[in-house]
Amino acid sequence: MGLSHGCPGSEGQGLRVPGNYIKRIACGGRHSAVITDAGALLTFGWGLYGQCGQGSTDDELSPTCVSSLLGIRIESVAAGLWHTVCISADGDVYAFGGNQFGQLGTGAEQAETLPRLLDAPSLENMHVKVVSCGARHTAVVTGDSKVFCWGWNKYGQLGLGDVIDRNIPSQVSMDGHVLTNVACGWWHTLLLAESPT
């Protein structure tokens, strides 16, 4: 994939995308996202819910830079059925796209067509390291081994001991375990933990 175009210029002309190669990839239901080695996020595919983060619900037929995140180094990205969530080098979480089940974690159920910084009190002073998206839920792991989940919870996939949807990041209790990774399936979640010492 060439990186010569994709970030809109002030007059609608393409500018060079920051970076030389793609270092991270993610696929959602009908959209995809990639991150360059310089931390630029590009998205493409179906845009009906704003999951491409371009400020519209238009489809993106080729990789297009998410210009509202330029200047913020993106380190990780995950994509769900209709939403996208990314993490900056500073450990901040940005979410956009469909939000019918609270999967963006914004505290509302309104779709976001531009990346929205999650300012949830539960994530305050947390440095998020890992993100994964299920069909309609999201999970993150912080640098200090805490796990937060939010979104659709019909099958208990948030790990909170119930089947109630959450529209804000909610901490999963895993006392005594050092959590290092998370992966979401469409309707379930898997955590990787080091054995307690």
Protein backbone atom coordinates (compact mmCIF):
# COMPACT_ATOMS: atom_id res chain seq x y z
CA MET A 1 0.00 0.00 0.00
CA GLY A 2 1.46 3.36 -0.97
CA LEU A 3 1.42 6.15 1.58
CA SER A 4 1.61 9.13 -0.74
CA HIS A 5 -2.01 10.26 -0.43
CA GLY A 6 -4.85 10.17 2.03
CA CYS A 7 -4.56 13.18 4.36
CA PRO A 8 -6.66 16.07 3.07
CA GLY A 9 -4.89 19.33 2.41
CA SER A 10 -6.31 22.77 2.98
CA GLU A 11 -7.50 22.91 -0.61
CA GLY A 12 -8.71 19.32 -0.89
CA GLN A 13 -5.41 18.04 -2.30
CA GLY A 14 -3.75 15.02 -0.80
CA LEU A 15 -0.73 15.40 1.44
CA ARG A 16 1.89 12.82 2.26
CA VAL A 17 0.74 10.47 5.02
CA PRO A 18 3.16 10.50 7.97
CA GLY A 19 5.20 7.30 7.95
CA ASN A 20 6.89 4.86 5.62
CA TYR A 21 5.08 1.61 6.28
CA ILE A 22 2.06 0.05 8.00
CA LYS A 23 2.76 -1.37 11.48
CA ARG A 24 -0.73 -2.27 12.82
CA ILE A 25 -3.96 -3.42 11.19
CA ALA A 26 -7.55 -4.07 12.31
CA CYS A 27 -10.71 -5.28 10.59
CA GLY A 28 -14.27 -4.60 11.68
CA GLY A 29 -17.57 -5.77 10.23
CA ARG A 30 -17.16 -3.92 6.93
CA HIS A 31 -14.36 -1.44 7.63
CA SER A 32 -10.63 -1.56 8.28
CA ALA A 33 -8.00 0.57 9.99
CA VAL A 34 -4.21 0.73 9.74
CA ILE A 35 -1.51 2.61 11.64
CA THR A 36 1.73 3.80 10.06
CA ASP A 37 5.13 3.63 11.73
CA ALA A 38 4.78 7.38 12.44
CA GLY A 39 1.50 6.85 14.31
CA ALA A 40 -0.96 8.07 11.65
CA LEU A 41 -4.33 6.29 11.55
CA LEU A 42 -5.95 5.50 8.19
CA THR A 43 -9.41 3.97 7.75
CA PHE A 44 -11.42 2.60 4.86
CA GLY A 45 -14.59 0.70 4.09
CA TRP A 46 -18.24 1.04 5.07
CA GLY A 47 -18.93 4.30 6.92
CA LEU A 48 -22.66 4.19 7.71
CA TYR A 49 -22.16 4.75 11.46
CA GLY A 50 -19.08 6.98 11.24
CA GLN A 51 -16.73 4.09 11.98
CA CYS A 52 -14.13 5.50 9.57
CA GLY A 53 -13.78 8.61 11.76
CA GLN A 54 -13.87 11.06 8.87
CA GLY A 55 -16.68 13.27 10.22
CA SER A 56 -19.29 11.74 7.93
CA THR A 57 -21.14 8.51 7.26
CA ASP A 58 -19.69 8.17 3.77
CA ASP A 59 -17.90 5.02 2.70
CA GLU A 60 -14.13 5.36 2.27
CA LEU A 61 -13.07 3.49 -0.86
CA SER A 62 -9.33 3.73 -0.15
CA PRO A 63 -7.22 4.19 2.99
CA THR A 64 -7.83 7.74 4.21
CA CYS A 65 -5.97 9.50 6.99
CA VAL A 66 -8.06 10.36 10.06
CA SER A 67 -6.95 13.99 9.94
CA SER A 68 -8.47 14.97 13.30
CA LEU A 69 -5.87 12.70 14.95
CA LEU A 70 -2.86 14.14 13.13
CA GLY A 71 -0.35 15.28 15.72
CA ILE A 72 -1.43 12.49 18.08
CA ARG A 73 0.72 9.38 17.78
CA ILE A 74 -1.63 6.38 17.56
CA GLU A 75 -0.13 3.11 18.80
CA SER A 76 -2.97 0.59 18.67
CA VAL A 77 -6.36 0.17 16.99
CA ALA A 78 -9.26 -2.27 17.16
CA ALA A 79 -12.47 -2.47 15.16
CA GLY A 80 -15.85 -3.92 16.03
CA LEU A 81 -18.88 -4.53 13.86
CA TRP A 82 -19.71 -0.81 13.55
CA HIS A 83 -17.12 0.98 15.72
CA THR A 84 -13.41 1.74 15.99
CA VAL A 85 -11.29 2.38 19.08
CA CYS A 86 -7.66 3.47 19.14
CA ILE A 87 -5.01 4.21 21.76
CA SER A 88 -2.45 7.02 21.64
CA ALA A 89 1.18 6.79 22.74
CA ASP A 90 0.08 8.70 25.85
CA GLY A 91 -2.38 5.92 26.73
CA ASP A 92 -5.49 7.91 25.83
CA VAL A 93 -8.50 6.15 24.26
CA TYR A 94 -10.34 7.54 21.21
CA ALA A 95 -13.58 5.97 19.96
CA PHE A 96 -15.86 6.52 16.96
CA GLY A 97 -18.64 4.87 14.99
CA GLY A 98 -21.83 3.10 16.02
CA ASN A 99 -22.83 3.32 19.66
CA GLN A 100 -26.24 1.61 19.92
CA PHE A 101 -25.09 -0.48 22.90
CA GLY A 102 -22.64 1.97 24.48
CA GLN A 103 -19.67 0.33 22.77
CA LEU A 104 -17.86 3.68 22.43
CA GLY A 105 -17.82 4.22 26.19
CA THR A 106 -18.90 7.85 25.94
CA GLY A 107 -21.73 7.60 28.46
CA ALA A 108 -24.34 8.02 25.72
CA GLU A 109 -25.67 5.95 22.84
CA GLN A 110 -25.13 8.52 20.09
CA ALA A 111 -22.85 7.59 17.19
CA GLU A 112 -19.63 9.58 16.76
CA THR A 113 -18.33 10.32 13.26
CA LEU A 114 -15.08 11.85 14.56
CA PRO A 115 -12.71 10.30 17.10
CA ARG A 116 -13.82 11.21 20.61
CA LEU A 117 -11.39 11.19 23.52
CA LEU A 118 -12.86 9.11 26.33
CA ASP A 119 -12.90 11.23 29.45
CA ALA A 120 -14.60 8.67 31.69
CA PRO A 121 -13.71 9.07 35.38
CA SER A 122 -12.85 5.36 35.55
CA LEU A 123 -10.03 5.88 33.02
CA GLU A 124 -8.68 9.06 34.62
CA ASN A 125 -4.91 8.81 35.13
CA MET A 126 -4.93 5.38 33.46
CA HIS A 127 -2.41 4.60 30.73
CA VAL A 128 -4.21 2.21 28.38
CA LYS A 129 -1.91 -0.24 26.59
CA VAL A 130 -4.16 -2.80 24.87
CA VAL A 131 -7.56 -2.53 23.15
CA SER A 132 -9.86 -5.09 21.56
CA CYS A 133 -13.37 -4.80 20.13
CA GLY A 134 -16.11 -7.38 19.86
CA ALA A 135 -19.13 -6.91 17.65
CA ARG A 136 -20.68 -4.38 20.02
CA HIS A 137 -18.36 -4.23 23.03
CA THR A 138 -14.87 -2.96 23.85
CA ALA A 139 -12.18 -4.03 26.32
CA VAL A 140 -8.89 -2.41 27.34
CA VAL A 141 -5.94 -3.29 29.57
CA THR A 142 -4.01 -0.54 31.36
CA GLY A 143 -0.30 -0.34 32.09
CA ASP A 144 -0.98 -1.25 35.72
CA SER A 145 -2.85 -4.43 34.74
CA LYS A 146 -6.44 -3.22 35.13
CA VAL A 147 -9.16 -4.32 32.69
CA PHE A 148 -12.14 -2.19 31.68
CA CYS A 149 -15.04 -3.32 29.46
CA TRP A 150 -18.11 -1.58 28.06
CA GLY A 151 -20.87 -1.99 25.49
CA TRP A 152 -23.24 -4.86 24.76
CA ASN A 153 -23.40 -7.49 27.50
CA LYS A 154 -26.22 -9.86 26.51
CA TYR A 155 -24.02 -12.93 27.05
CA GLY A 156 -21.95 -11.59 29.96
CA GLN A 157 -19.04 -10.78 27.65
CA LEU A 158 -18.07 -7.76 29.77
CA GLY A 159 -17.09 -10.04 32.65
CA LEU A 160 -18.95 -7.96 35.23
CA GLY A 161 -21.10 -10.74 36.70
CA ASP A 162 -24.34 -9.71 35.00
CA VAL A 163 -25.88 -9.17 31.55
CA ILE A 164 -26.46 -5.41 31.77
CA ASP A 165 -25.04 -3.22 28.97
CA ARG A 166 -22.58 -0.49 30.03
CA ASN A 167 -22.01 2.80 28.18
CA ILE A 168 -18.94 3.79 30.23
CA PRO A 169 -15.71 1.88 30.92
CA SER A 170 -16.35 -0.46 33.86
CA GLN A 171 -13.54 -2.23 35.72
CA VAL A 172 -13.46 -6.02 35.68
CA SER A 173 -12.45 -7.50 39.04
CA MET A 174 -9.43 -9.78 38.65
CA ASP A 175 -7.75 -9.45 42.04
CA GLY A 176 -4.47 -11.29 42.41
CA HIS A 177 -3.80 -11.59 38.68
CA VAL A 178 -1.44 -9.62 36.47
CA LEU A 179 -3.39 -9.06 33.26
CA THR A 180 -1.34 -8.59 30.12
CA ASN A 181 -3.67 -8.91 27.14
CA VAL A 182 -7.30 -9.03 26.04
CA ALA A 183 -9.04 -10.33 22.93
CA CYS A 184 -12.71 -9.92 22.08
CA GLY A 185 -14.70 -12.27 19.92
CA TRP A 186 -17.99 -11.13 18.47
CA TRP A 187 -19.86 -12.17 21.64
CA HIS A 188 -17.16 -13.11 24.18
CA THR A 189 -13.92 -11.86 25.75
CA LEU A 190 -10.68 -13.63 26.64
CA LEU A 191 -8.10 -12.29 29.12
CA LEU A 192 -4.44 -13.33 29.39
CA ALA A 193 -3.04 -13.23 32.91
CA GLU A 194 0.25 -14.16 34.50
CA SER A 195 -0.06 -16.59 37.38
CA PRO A 196 -0.06 -14.98 40.83
CA THR A 197 3.23 -15.37 42.66
